[in-house]
Amino acid sequence: MRFAYYDRLSPSRQSIYRDSDAIEVLELPVGAIVAAPVGAIATVCFAQTASTRGAVVRLCSMTGCRLSRAAGPGARARAASVG
């Protein structure tokens, strides 16, 4: 599903978007304990309160840190800001 901002992306960003949209399964590193923060992200997003954005940012950061620790040294990831 493409969101409204897709048309405003550069062609290279649109390509990245399509590639990431095609990912059906993301294998988590062994030992990645992310169920709690991921579940909390869903809960906070449904709440839609004034503090939603800050809470989602903190929970996403927590999730990223846990994934990074589980993946170990040498793991690489890149996130693109949307908005």
C-alpha atoms as a PDB file:
ATOM      1  CA  MET A   1       0.000   0.000   0.000  1.00  0.00           C
ATOM      2  CA  ARG A   2       1.502   3.319  -1.014  1.00  0.00           C
ATOM      3  CA  PHE A   3       0.935   6.354   1.158  1.00  0.00           C
ATOM      4  CA  ALA A   4       0.223   9.893  -0.042  1.00  0.00           C
ATOM      5  CA  TYR A   5       3.813  11.069   0.406  1.00  0.00           C
ATOM      6  CA  TYR A   6       5.079   8.467  -2.115  1.00  0.00           C
ATOM      7  CA  ASP A   7       4.535  10.822  -5.059  1.00  0.00           C
ATOM      8  CA  ARG A   8       6.707  13.467  -3.374  1.00  0.00           C
ATOM      9  CA  LEU A   9       9.684  11.107  -3.072  1.00  0.00           C
ATOM     10  CA  SER A  10      12.598  11.268  -5.478  1.00  0.00           C
ATOM     11  CA  PRO A  11      12.839   8.396  -7.984  1.00  0.00           C
ATOM     12  CA  SER A  12      15.632   6.779  -5.938  1.00  0.00           C
ATOM     13  CA  ARG A  13      13.565   7.007  -2.733  1.00  0.00           C
ATOM     14  CA  GLN A  14      10.553   5.566  -4.580  1.00  0.00           C
ATOM     15  CA  SER A  15      12.735   2.626  -5.590  1.00  0.00           C
ATOM     16  CA  ILE A  16      13.793   2.090  -1.965  1.00  0.00           C
ATOM     17  CA  TYR A  17      10.140   2.343  -0.899  1.00  0.00           C
ATOM     18  CA  ARG A  18       9.077  -0.292  -3.450  1.00  0.00           C
ATOM     19  CA  ASP A  19      11.951  -2.594  -2.456  1.00  0.00           C
ATOM     20  CA  SER A  20      11.102  -2.360   1.235  1.00  0.00           C
ATOM     21  CA  ASP A  21       7.394  -2.745   0.505  1.00  0.00           C
ATOM     22  CA  ALA A  22       8.176  -6.039  -1.248  1.00  0.00           C
ATOM     23  CA  ILE A  23       9.766  -7.524   1.880  1.00  0.00           C
ATOM     24  CA  GLU A  24       7.378 -10.164   3.190  1.00  0.00           C
ATOM     25  CA  VAL A  25       9.489 -11.626   5.989  1.00  0.00           C
ATOM     26  CA  LEU A  26      12.152 -10.009   8.121  1.00  0.00           C
ATOM     27  CA  GLU A  27      14.228 -12.589   9.917  1.00  0.00           C
ATOM     28  CA  LEU A  28      15.090 -11.294  13.365  1.00  0.00           C
ATOM     29  CA  PRO A  29      18.496 -11.991  14.847  1.00  0.00           C
ATOM     30  CA  VAL A  30      18.589 -14.834  17.349  1.00  0.00           C
ATOM     31  CA  GLY A  31      18.050 -13.394  20.798  1.00  0.00           C
ATOM     32  CA  ALA A  32      16.208 -10.278  19.653  1.00  0.00           C
ATOM     33  CA  ILE A  33      13.624  -9.561  22.327  1.00  0.00           C
ATOM     34  CA  VAL A  34      11.364  -7.022  20.676  1.00  0.00           C
ATOM     35  CA  ALA A  35       7.823  -8.273  21.298  1.00  0.00           C
ATOM     36  CA  ALA A  36       7.174  -5.830  24.160  1.00  0.00           C
ATOM     37  CA  PRO A  37       8.238  -2.598  22.421  1.00  0.00           C
ATOM     38  CA  VAL A  38       6.647  -3.624  19.101  1.00  0.00           C
ATOM     39  CA  GLY A  39       3.378  -4.436  20.854  1.00  0.00           C
ATOM     40  CA  ALA A  40       3.553  -1.137  22.705  1.00  0.00           C
ATOM     41  CA  ILE A  41       4.065   0.740  19.417  1.00  0.00           C
ATOM     42  CA  ALA A  42       0.817  -0.726  18.092  1.00  0.00           C
ATOM     43  CA  THR A  43      -1.022   0.174  21.291  1.00  0.00           C
ATOM     44  CA  VAL A  44       0.283   3.753  21.333  1.00  0.00           C
ATOM     45  CA  CYS A  45      -0.521   4.266  17.653  1.00  0.00           C
ATOM     46  CA  PHE A  46      -4.122   3.231  18.206  1.00  0.00           C
ATOM     47  CA  ALA A  47      -4.424   5.573  21.204  1.00  0.00           C
ATOM     48  CA  GLN A  48      -3.671   8.692  19.102  1.00  0.00           C
ATOM     49  CA  THR A  49      -3.020  11.011  22.039  1.00  0.00           C
ATOM     50  CA  ALA A  50      -0.992  14.216  22.144  1.00  0.00           C
ATOM     51  CA  SER A  51       2.037  12.266  23.379  1.00  0.00           C
ATOM     52  CA  THR A  52       1.776   9.559  20.690  1.00  0.00           C
ATOM     53  CA  ARG A  53       4.677  10.806  18.564  1.00  0.00           C
ATOM     54  CA  GLY A  54       7.147  10.972  21.447  1.00  0.00           C
ATOM     55  CA  ALA A  55       6.138   7.563  22.720  1.00  0.00           C
ATOM     56  CA  VAL A  56       6.468   5.990  19.274  1.00  0.00           C
ATOM     57  CA  VAL A  57       9.912   7.579  18.811  1.00  0.00           C
ATOM     58  CA  ARG A  58      11.100   6.175  22.166  1.00  0.00           C
ATOM     59  CA  LEU A  59       9.665   2.718  21.478  1.00  0.00           C
ATOM     60  CA  CYS A  60      11.151   2.587  17.969  1.00  0.00           C
ATOM     61  CA  SER A  61      14.518   3.591  19.391  1.00  0.00           C
ATOM     62  CA  MET A  62      14.241   0.846  22.016  1.00  0.00           C
ATOM     63  CA  THR A  63      13.338  -1.693  19.321  1.00  0.00           C
ATOM     64  CA  GLY A  64      16.254  -0.602  17.133  1.00  0.00           C
ATOM     65  CA  CYS A  65      18.704  -0.849  20.027  1.00  0.00           C
ATOM     66  CA  ARG A  66      17.516  -4.355  20.888  1.00  0.00           C
ATOM     67  CA  LEU A  67      17.783  -5.486  17.273  1.00  0.00           C
ATOM     68  CA  SER A  68      21.244  -3.959  16.991  1.00  0.00           C
ATOM     69  CA  ARG A  69      22.480  -5.670  20.148  1.00  0.00           C
ATOM     70  CA  ALA A  70      21.059  -9.014  19.003  1.00  0.00           C
ATOM     71  CA  ALA A  71      22.597  -8.685  15.525  1.00  0.00           C
ATOM     72  CA  GLY A  72      26.022  -8.031  16.996  1.00  0.00           C
ATOM     73  CA  PRO A  73      29.095  -6.246  15.656  1.00  0.00           C
ATOM     74  CA  GLY A  74      29.265  -5.636  11.932  1.00  0.00           C
ATOM     75  CA  ALA A  75      25.508  -5.538  11.398  1.00  0.00           C
ATOM     76  CA  ARG A  76      24.380  -2.652   9.241  1.00  0.00           C
ATOM     77  CA  ALA A  77      21.027  -0.949   8.887  1.00  0.00           C
ATOM     78  CA  ARG A  78      19.828   2.300   7.420  1.00  0.00           C
ATOM     79  CA  ALA A  79      16.567   4.078   8.084  1.00  0.00           C
ATOM     80  CA  ALA A  80      15.132   6.871   6.010  1.00  0.00           C
ATOM     81  CA  SER A  81      13.105   9.654   7.525  1.00  0.00           C
ATOM     82  CA  VAL A  82       9.622  10.032   6.107  1.00  0.00           C
ATOM     83  CA  GLY A  83       7.539  13.121   6.324  1.00  0.00           C
END
